[in-house]
Protein backbone atom coordinates (compact mmCIF):
# COMPACT_ATOMS: atom_id res chain seq x y z
CA MET A 1 57.55 -31.52 -104.41
CA PRO A 2 54.06 -33.05 -104.01
CA SER A 3 53.03 -35.73 -106.49
CA ASN A 4 50.05 -37.65 -107.73
CA VAL A 5 49.32 -40.50 -110.10
CA GLU A 6 47.09 -39.33 -112.94
CA ILE A 7 45.11 -40.72 -115.82
CA LYS A 8 43.03 -38.92 -118.41
CA ALA A 9 40.42 -40.45 -120.72
CA LYS A 10 37.74 -39.42 -123.21
CA VAL A 11 34.21 -39.85 -121.84
CA SER A 12 31.51 -40.95 -124.27
CA ASP A 13 28.55 -40.65 -121.86
CA ALA A 14 29.06 -37.84 -119.32
CA THR A 15 25.74 -38.49 -117.55
CA GLN A 16 26.53 -42.16 -116.97
CA PHE A 17 30.07 -41.34 -115.81
CA ALA A 18 28.74 -38.70 -113.37
CA GLU A 19 26.29 -41.25 -111.94
CA LYS A 20 29.08 -43.79 -111.32
CA ALA A 21 31.40 -41.17 -109.81
CA GLY A 22 28.52 -39.91 -107.66
CA ARG A 23 27.85 -43.38 -106.29
CA LEU A 24 31.54 -43.91 -105.49
CA SER A 25 31.92 -40.50 -103.80
CA GLN A 26 28.43 -40.48 -102.26
CA SER A 27 28.03 -36.92 -103.56
CA GLU A 28 26.79 -35.01 -106.57
CA GLY A 29 30.22 -33.46 -107.02
CA THR A 30 31.27 -29.82 -106.94
CA ILE A 31 31.14 -27.64 -110.08
CA ILE A 32 34.28 -25.54 -110.68
CA ARG A 33 34.76 -23.21 -113.64
CA GLN A 34 38.38 -22.92 -114.75
CA HIS A 35 40.27 -20.84 -117.30
CA ASP A 36 43.83 -22.13 -117.67
CA THR A 37 46.49 -20.12 -119.47
CA PHE A 38 49.60 -22.09 -120.42
CA PHE A 39 52.91 -20.28 -120.77
CA ASN A 40 56.02 -21.16 -122.71
CA CYS A 41 58.66 -22.74 -120.48
CA SER A 42 61.79 -24.81 -121.05
CA GLN A 43 60.69 -27.88 -119.09
CA GLY A 44 57.40 -29.26 -117.81
CA ARG A 45 54.26 -27.13 -118.01
CA LEU A 46 53.42 -23.80 -116.41
CA LYS A 47 49.81 -22.70 -116.18
CA LEU A 48 47.78 -20.06 -114.44
CA ARG A 49 44.41 -21.39 -113.32
CA ASP A 50 41.77 -18.67 -112.97
CA PHE A 51 38.71 -19.83 -111.00
CA MET A 52 36.73 -16.88 -112.40
CA ASP A 53 35.94 -15.67 -108.86
CA GLY A 54 38.97 -13.46 -108.17
CA SER A 55 41.16 -16.37 -107.09
CA GLY A 56 43.59 -18.58 -108.92
CA GLN A 57 46.70 -20.73 -108.79
CA LEU A 58 50.01 -20.70 -110.61
CA ILE A 59 50.87 -24.35 -111.24
CA PHE A 60 54.10 -25.88 -112.51
CA TYR A 61 54.05 -29.61 -113.22
CA GLU A 62 56.06 -32.35 -114.85
CA ARG A 63 54.71 -35.70 -116.02
CA PRO A 64 55.37 -38.06 -118.89
CA ASP A 65 53.12 -37.86 -121.95
CA SER A 66 51.88 -41.43 -121.90
CA ASP A 67 48.50 -43.03 -121.45
CA GLY A 68 47.59 -44.96 -118.33
CA PRO A 69 48.49 -44.06 -114.74
CA LYS A 70 51.58 -41.83 -114.56
CA LEU A 71 53.40 -39.89 -111.86
CA SER A 72 53.02 -36.11 -111.91
CA ARG A 73 55.12 -33.78 -109.72
CA TYR A 74 53.79 -30.28 -109.14
CA SER A 75 54.17 -26.97 -107.31
CA ILE A 76 51.24 -24.62 -106.67
CA SER A 77 51.14 -20.98 -105.58
CA PRO A 78 47.79 -19.26 -104.89
CA THR A 79 47.01 -15.82 -106.29
CA SER A 80 44.28 -13.29 -105.57
CA ASP A 81 44.87 -11.43 -108.85
CA PRO A 82 44.95 -13.90 -111.77
CA PRO A 83 44.51 -11.24 -114.53
CA SER A 84 47.50 -9.20 -113.36
CA LEU A 85 49.71 -12.28 -112.95
CA ARG A 86 48.62 -13.51 -116.39
CA ALA A 87 49.70 -10.20 -117.96
CA VAL A 88 53.15 -10.34 -116.32
CA LEU A 89 53.74 -13.98 -117.28
CA ALA A 90 52.48 -13.39 -120.83
CA ASP A 91 54.96 -10.52 -121.23
CA ALA A 92 57.83 -12.53 -119.74
CA LEU A 93 57.25 -15.98 -121.24
CA GLY A 94 54.62 -15.77 -123.96
CA VAL A 95 51.30 -17.61 -124.00
CA LYS A 96 51.24 -21.14 -125.38
CA GLY A 97 47.44 -21.35 -125.28
CA GLU A 98 44.30 -21.40 -123.16
CA VAL A 99 41.90 -24.05 -121.92
CA ARG A 100 38.41 -23.29 -120.63
CA LYS A 101 36.45 -25.96 -118.84
CA GLU A 102 33.73 -26.72 -116.38
CA ARG A 103 34.92 -29.34 -113.93
CA ARG A 104 32.79 -31.53 -111.72
CA LEU A 105 34.89 -32.73 -108.81
CA PHE A 106 34.21 -35.93 -106.89
CA LEU A 107 36.36 -37.11 -103.96
CA VAL A 108 36.93 -40.82 -103.33
CA GLY A 109 39.48 -41.64 -100.64
CA GLN A 110 42.80 -40.09 -101.69
CA THR A 111 41.61 -39.57 -105.26
CA ARG A 112 40.11 -36.57 -107.02
CA ILE A 113 37.82 -37.65 -109.85
CA HIS A 114 37.22 -34.90 -112.41
CA LEU A 115 34.52 -34.89 -115.07
CA ASP A 116 35.52 -32.08 -117.41
CA ALA A 117 33.53 -30.37 -120.16
CA VAL A 118 36.41 -28.84 -122.14
CA GLU A 119 35.61 -26.06 -124.60
CA GLY A 120 36.57 -27.25 -128.08
CA LEU A 121 37.23 -30.86 -127.02
CA GLY A 122 34.20 -32.38 -125.31
CA HIS A 123 33.98 -34.50 -122.16
CA TYR A 124 36.96 -36.06 -120.41
CA MET A 125 37.71 -37.54 -117.03
CA GLU A 126 40.81 -37.33 -114.90
CA LEU A 127 41.82 -39.32 -111.88
CA GLU A 128 44.37 -37.74 -109.56
CA VAL A 129 45.54 -40.11 -106.83
CA VAL A 130 47.18 -37.74 -104.31
CA MET A 131 50.23 -39.60 -103.10
CA ARG A 132 51.07 -39.86 -99.42
CA PRO A 133 54.78 -39.53 -98.57
CA ASP A 134 54.99 -43.22 -97.61
CA GLN A 135 53.36 -44.53 -100.82
CA SER A 136 55.09 -45.97 -103.86
CA VAL A 137 54.17 -45.01 -107.41
CA GLU A 138 52.99 -48.60 -107.90
CA GLU A 139 50.50 -48.25 -105.04
CA GLY A 140 49.14 -45.06 -106.62
CA GLN A 141 48.86 -46.81 -109.97
CA GLN A 142 46.93 -49.67 -108.34
CA VAL A 143 44.45 -47.18 -106.81
CA ALA A 144 43.99 -45.54 -110.24
CA GLN A 145 43.54 -48.89 -112.01
CA GLY A 146 40.92 -49.97 -109.48
CA LEU A 147 38.94 -46.76 -109.93
CA MET A 148 39.21 -47.04 -113.72
CA GLU A 149 37.54 -50.44 -113.48
CA GLN A 150 34.82 -49.20 -111.11
CA LEU A 151 34.10 -46.22 -113.37
CA GLY A 152 34.09 -48.31 -116.56
CA VAL A 153 37.04 -46.45 -118.13
CA SER A 154 38.47 -48.55 -120.94
CA GLU A 155 42.14 -48.63 -121.92
CA ASP A 156 41.29 -47.49 -125.47
CA SER A 157 39.72 -44.26 -124.16
CA LEU A 158 42.94 -43.16 -122.40
CA VAL A 159 44.71 -40.06 -123.74
CA THR A 160 48.21 -38.69 -123.33
CA GLY A 161 49.27 -35.14 -122.61
CA ALA A 162 47.27 -32.18 -121.38
CA TYR A 163 44.09 -30.59 -122.76
CA MET A 164 46.36 -27.84 -124.08
CA ASP A 165 48.24 -30.44 -126.15
CA LEU A 166 44.99 -31.82 -127.58
CA LEU A 167 43.82 -28.33 -128.51
CA LEU A 168 47.16 -27.51 -130.14
CA GLN A 169 46.95 -30.74 -132.14
CA GLY A 170 43.64 -29.51 -133.51
CA ARG A 171 41.58 -32.37 -132.18
CA THR A 172 37.86 -31.98 -132.30
CA PRO A 173 35.18 -33.71 -130.24
CA GLN A 174 34.55 -37.30 -131.25
């Protein structure tokens, strides 16, 4: 199962963060609209990501709910009919909730930097260090820590869990 080391943090100044990420990636980033539907499941998280263009992905993932860099293991299956798949999964498993966001994706080395505008939550960033088979978790954590420093992400801005968890907890933008 593929894996990555992830961190998530609240962003207080999205423009400033985008400028830093743009300098590191030497790009303006790519805008991606996403509508994620989370389904009830007995372990990990199962979500259907609809890219709002007729394509999507069914994603299962497991990761600890802790702040700071953490290992996430995942499986992804593409779909060309997200609405139909959503209906089947909703009938079979029940819907836990939905997350709508506009993501700005920057690529730096083996890391995907996301600047997310999450409906109902505000601005967040995610780092996903895509692990190579020969890399240790510690190496992935070092890459994430280095990028956190370069991007000015402070330890006190780190969050645990998924956007779905934050929405379910009733958090509002700060």
